Amino acid sequence: MTRRATISPPRVRPGEAAIDKRVVATFFVLFLILVLALWSLPSGRFVLVLTSPAATASDTLEVIGSAGGSFVSAGRLPWMAVAYSDADDFPARLMQAGAMLVLNHQLAVGCYQRNLE
């Protein structure tokens, strides 16, 4: 007699439904995206300003100045900068002045200029 290999169903207690690992992984990824999105929202007086990648450093400074902010630090690329303002609506004013994205300044750690010496 030959034995046939059988696939046994997942072990589930009576009255419980089986949980698909793909569903759990999908919800975990969605949760991580939500946490990252909330963490990147601008908070406090300092913000990371991202303008158009075609913008020059002077264009970025003009956006910050038009929004009533102060330039704090240049980014690695000319269209990135850290700005400061006491105004509560500063992120909204930056967007109206032409910024493509305004993020929490703590995300700027990798955006600072490198010392070329």
C-alpha atoms as a PDB file:
ATOM      1  CA  MET A   1       0.000   0.000   0.000  1.00  0.00           C
ATOM      2  CA  THR A   2       1.196   3.439  -0.838  1.00  0.00           C
ATOM      3  CA  ARG A   3       0.447   6.386   1.350  1.00  0.00           C
ATOM      4  CA  ARG A   4      -0.798   9.558  -0.208  1.00  0.00           C
ATOM      5  CA  ALA A   5       0.410  12.859   1.068  1.00  0.00           C
ATOM      6  CA  THR A   6      -2.491  14.831   2.377  1.00  0.00           C
ATOM      7  CA  ILE A   7      -2.633  18.474   3.198  1.00  0.00           C
ATOM      8  CA  SER A   8      -4.217  19.032   6.533  1.00  0.00           C
ATOM      9  CA  PRO A   9      -6.338  22.115   7.057  1.00  0.00           C
ATOM     10  CA  PRO A  10      -5.020  24.803   9.409  1.00  0.00           C
ATOM     11  CA  ARG A  11      -5.669  24.101  13.046  1.00  0.00           C
ATOM     12  CA  VAL A  12      -8.503  26.323  14.116  1.00  0.00           C
ATOM     13  CA  ARG A  13     -10.425  26.103  17.320  1.00  0.00           C
ATOM     14  CA  PRO A  14     -14.128  25.488  16.966  1.00  0.00           C
ATOM     15  CA  GLY A  15     -15.974  28.775  16.455  1.00  0.00           C
ATOM     16  CA  GLU A  16     -12.870  30.697  15.287  1.00  0.00           C
ATOM     17  CA  ALA A  17     -11.959  31.744  11.783  1.00  0.00           C
ATOM     18  CA  ALA A  18      -8.489  31.209  10.350  1.00  0.00           C
ATOM     19  CA  ILE A  19      -6.380  34.385  10.021  1.00  0.00           C
ATOM     20  CA  ASP A  20      -4.590  34.782   6.725  1.00  0.00           C
ATOM     21  CA  LYS A  21      -0.962  35.924   7.161  1.00  0.00           C
ATOM     22  CA  ARG A  22      -1.265  38.160   4.115  1.00  0.00           C
ATOM     23  CA  VAL A  23      -4.090  40.084   5.758  1.00  0.00           C
ATOM     24  CA  VAL A  24      -2.042  40.564   8.924  1.00  0.00           C
ATOM     25  CA  ALA A  25       0.990  41.708   6.897  1.00  0.00           C
ATOM     26  CA  THR A  26      -1.148  44.127   4.874  1.00  0.00           C
ATOM     27  CA  PHE A  27      -2.611  45.724   7.999  1.00  0.00           C
ATOM     28  CA  PHE A  28       0.853  45.959   9.549  1.00  0.00           C
ATOM     29  CA  VAL A  29       2.214  47.782   6.488  1.00  0.00           C
ATOM     30  CA  LEU A  30      -0.777  50.143   6.479  1.00  0.00           C
ATOM     31  CA  PHE A  31      -0.194  50.844  10.162  1.00  0.00           C
ATOM     32  CA  LEU A  32       3.474  51.671   9.510  1.00  0.00           C
ATOM     33  CA  ILE A  33       2.509  54.019   6.682  1.00  0.00           C
ATOM     34  CA  LEU A  34       0.046  55.789   8.977  1.00  0.00           C
ATOM     35  CA  VAL A  35       2.656  56.169  11.725  1.00  0.00           C
ATOM     36  CA  LEU A  36       5.229  57.553   9.271  1.00  0.00           C
ATOM     37  CA  ALA A  37       2.682  59.952   7.784  1.00  0.00           C
ATOM     38  CA  LEU A  38       1.756  61.287  11.219  1.00  0.00           C
ATOM     39  CA  TRP A  39       5.407  61.570  12.228  1.00  0.00           C
ATOM     40  CA  SER A  40       6.265  63.558   9.112  1.00  0.00           C
ATOM     41  CA  LEU A  41       3.582  66.210   9.705  1.00  0.00           C
ATOM     42  CA  PRO A  42       5.154  69.563  10.554  1.00  0.00           C
ATOM     43  CA  SER A  43       5.138  70.296  14.270  1.00  0.00           C
ATOM     44  CA  GLY A  44       6.817  73.079  16.136  1.00  0.00           C
ATOM     45  CA  ARG A  45       8.432  76.198  14.747  1.00  0.00           C
ATOM     46  CA  PHE A  46      11.029  74.516  12.517  1.00  0.00           C
ATOM     47  CA  VAL A  47      10.014  72.807   9.259  1.00  0.00           C
ATOM     48  CA  LEU A  48      11.688  71.118   6.308  1.00  0.00           C
ATOM     49  CA  VAL A  49      10.695  72.920   3.109  1.00  0.00           C
ATOM     50  CA  LEU A  50      10.794  71.095  -0.232  1.00  0.00           C
ATOM     51  CA  THR A  51      10.238  73.123  -3.379  1.00  0.00           C
ATOM     52  CA  SER A  52      10.296  72.006  -6.997  1.00  0.00           C
ATOM     53  CA  PRO A  53      13.359  69.903  -7.872  1.00  0.00           C
ATOM     54  CA  ALA A  54      13.967  72.353 -10.719  1.00  0.00           C
ATOM     55  CA  ALA A  55      14.136  75.260  -8.230  1.00  0.00           C
ATOM     56  CA  THR A  56      17.340  77.022  -7.345  1.00  0.00           C
ATOM     57  CA  ALA A  57      18.456  77.887  -3.817  1.00  0.00           C
ATOM     58  CA  SER A  58      17.268  81.464  -4.329  1.00  0.00           C
ATOM     59  CA  ASP A  59      13.816  80.161  -5.346  1.00  0.00           C
ATOM     60  CA  THR A  60      13.633  78.201  -2.099  1.00  0.00           C
ATOM     61  CA  LEU A  61      14.691  81.242  -0.088  1.00  0.00           C
ATOM     62  CA  GLU A  62      12.048  83.313  -1.883  1.00  0.00           C
ATOM     63  CA  VAL A  63       9.341  80.815  -0.894  1.00  0.00           C
ATOM     64  CA  ILE A  64      10.460  80.941   2.750  1.00  0.00           C
ATOM     65  CA  GLY A  65      10.592  84.741   2.716  1.00  0.00           C
ATOM     66  CA  SER A  66       7.187  85.050   1.031  1.00  0.00           C
ATOM     67  CA  ALA A  67       5.674  82.935   3.787  1.00  0.00           C
ATOM     68  CA  GLY A  68       7.167  85.177   6.466  1.00  0.00           C
ATOM     69  CA  GLY A  69       9.755  82.701   7.702  1.00  0.00           C
ATOM     70  CA  SER A  70      13.452  82.698   8.351  1.00  0.00           C
ATOM     71  CA  PHE A  71      16.041  80.522   6.653  1.00  0.00           C
ATOM     72  CA  VAL A  72      17.826  78.204   9.114  1.00  0.00           C
ATOM     73  CA  SER A  73      19.861  75.687   7.132  1.00  0.00           C
ATOM     74  CA  ALA A  74      20.445  74.619   3.554  1.00  0.00           C
ATOM     75  CA  GLY A  75      19.724  71.105   2.434  1.00  0.00           C
ATOM     76  CA  ARG A  76      21.974  68.843   0.423  1.00  0.00           C
ATOM     77  CA  LEU A  77      20.008  69.846  -2.665  1.00  0.00           C
ATOM     78  CA  PRO A  78      19.103  73.453  -3.556  1.00  0.00           C
ATOM     79  CA  TRP A  79      15.378  72.777  -3.309  1.00  0.00           C
ATOM     80  CA  MET A  80      15.554  71.647   0.350  1.00  0.00           C
ATOM     81  CA  ALA A  81      15.852  73.932   3.352  1.00  0.00           C
ATOM     82  CA  VAL A  82      14.980  74.156   7.021  1.00  0.00           C
ATOM     83  CA  ALA A  83      12.947  77.231   7.919  1.00  0.00           C
ATOM     84  CA  TYR A  84      11.658  78.848  11.122  1.00  0.00           C
ATOM     85  CA  SER A  85       8.630  80.955  12.006  1.00  0.00           C
ATOM     86  CA  ASP A  86       6.628  81.783  15.125  1.00  0.00           C
ATOM     87  CA  ALA A  87       3.379  81.717  13.128  1.00  0.00           C
ATOM     88  CA  ASP A  88       1.080  78.762  13.748  1.00  0.00           C
ATOM     89  CA  ASP A  89      -0.017  78.713  10.101  1.00  0.00           C
ATOM     90  CA  PHE A  90       3.529  78.777   8.722  1.00  0.00           C
ATOM     91  CA  PRO A  91       3.298  75.360   6.954  1.00  0.00           C
ATOM     92  CA  ALA A  92       0.099  76.459   5.178  1.00  0.00           C
ATOM     93  CA  ARG A  93       1.675  79.766   4.160  1.00  0.00           C
ATOM     94  CA  LEU A  94       4.707  77.930   2.766  1.00  0.00           C
ATOM     95  CA  MET A  95       2.417  75.778   0.633  1.00  0.00           C
ATOM     96  CA  GLN A  96       0.617  78.903  -0.629  1.00  0.00           C
ATOM     97  CA  ALA A  97       3.983  80.521  -1.406  1.00  0.00           C
ATOM     98  CA  GLY A  98       5.028  77.619  -3.622  1.00  0.00           C
ATOM     99  CA  ALA A  99       6.476  74.853  -1.471  1.00  0.00           C
ATOM    100  CA  MET A 100       5.657  71.391  -2.789  1.00  0.00           C
ATOM    101  CA  LEU A 101       5.911  69.730   0.615  1.00  0.00           C
ATOM    102  CA  VAL A 102       6.406  70.870   4.205  1.00  0.00           C
ATOM    103  CA  LEU A 103       7.575  68.224   6.667  1.00  0.00           C
ATOM    104  CA  ASN A 104       8.729  67.832  10.242  1.00  0.00           C
ATOM    105  CA  HIS A 105      12.252  69.262  10.466  1.00  0.00           C
ATOM    106  CA  GLN A 106      13.495  66.112  12.232  1.00  0.00           C
ATOM    107  CA  LEU A 107      13.339  64.371   8.860  1.00  0.00           C
ATOM    108  CA  ALA A 108      16.067  66.733   7.629  1.00  0.00           C
ATOM    109  CA  VAL A 109      18.852  64.740   9.285  1.00  0.00           C
ATOM    110  CA  GLY A 110      19.864  63.155   5.979  1.00  0.00           C
ATOM    111  CA  CYS A 111      19.221  66.332   3.984  1.00  0.00           C
ATOM    112  CA  TYR A 112      21.922  68.582   5.416  1.00  0.00           C
ATOM    113  CA  GLN A 113      24.821  69.588   3.244  1.00  0.00           C
ATOM    114  CA  ARG A 114      27.933  67.499   3.466  1.00  0.00           C
ATOM    115  CA  ASN A 115      31.218  69.153   4.257  1.00  0.00           C
ATOM    116  CA  LEU A 116      33.043  68.932   0.931  1.00  0.00           C
ATOM    117  CA  GLU A 117      36.525  69.451   2.451  1.00  0.00           C
END
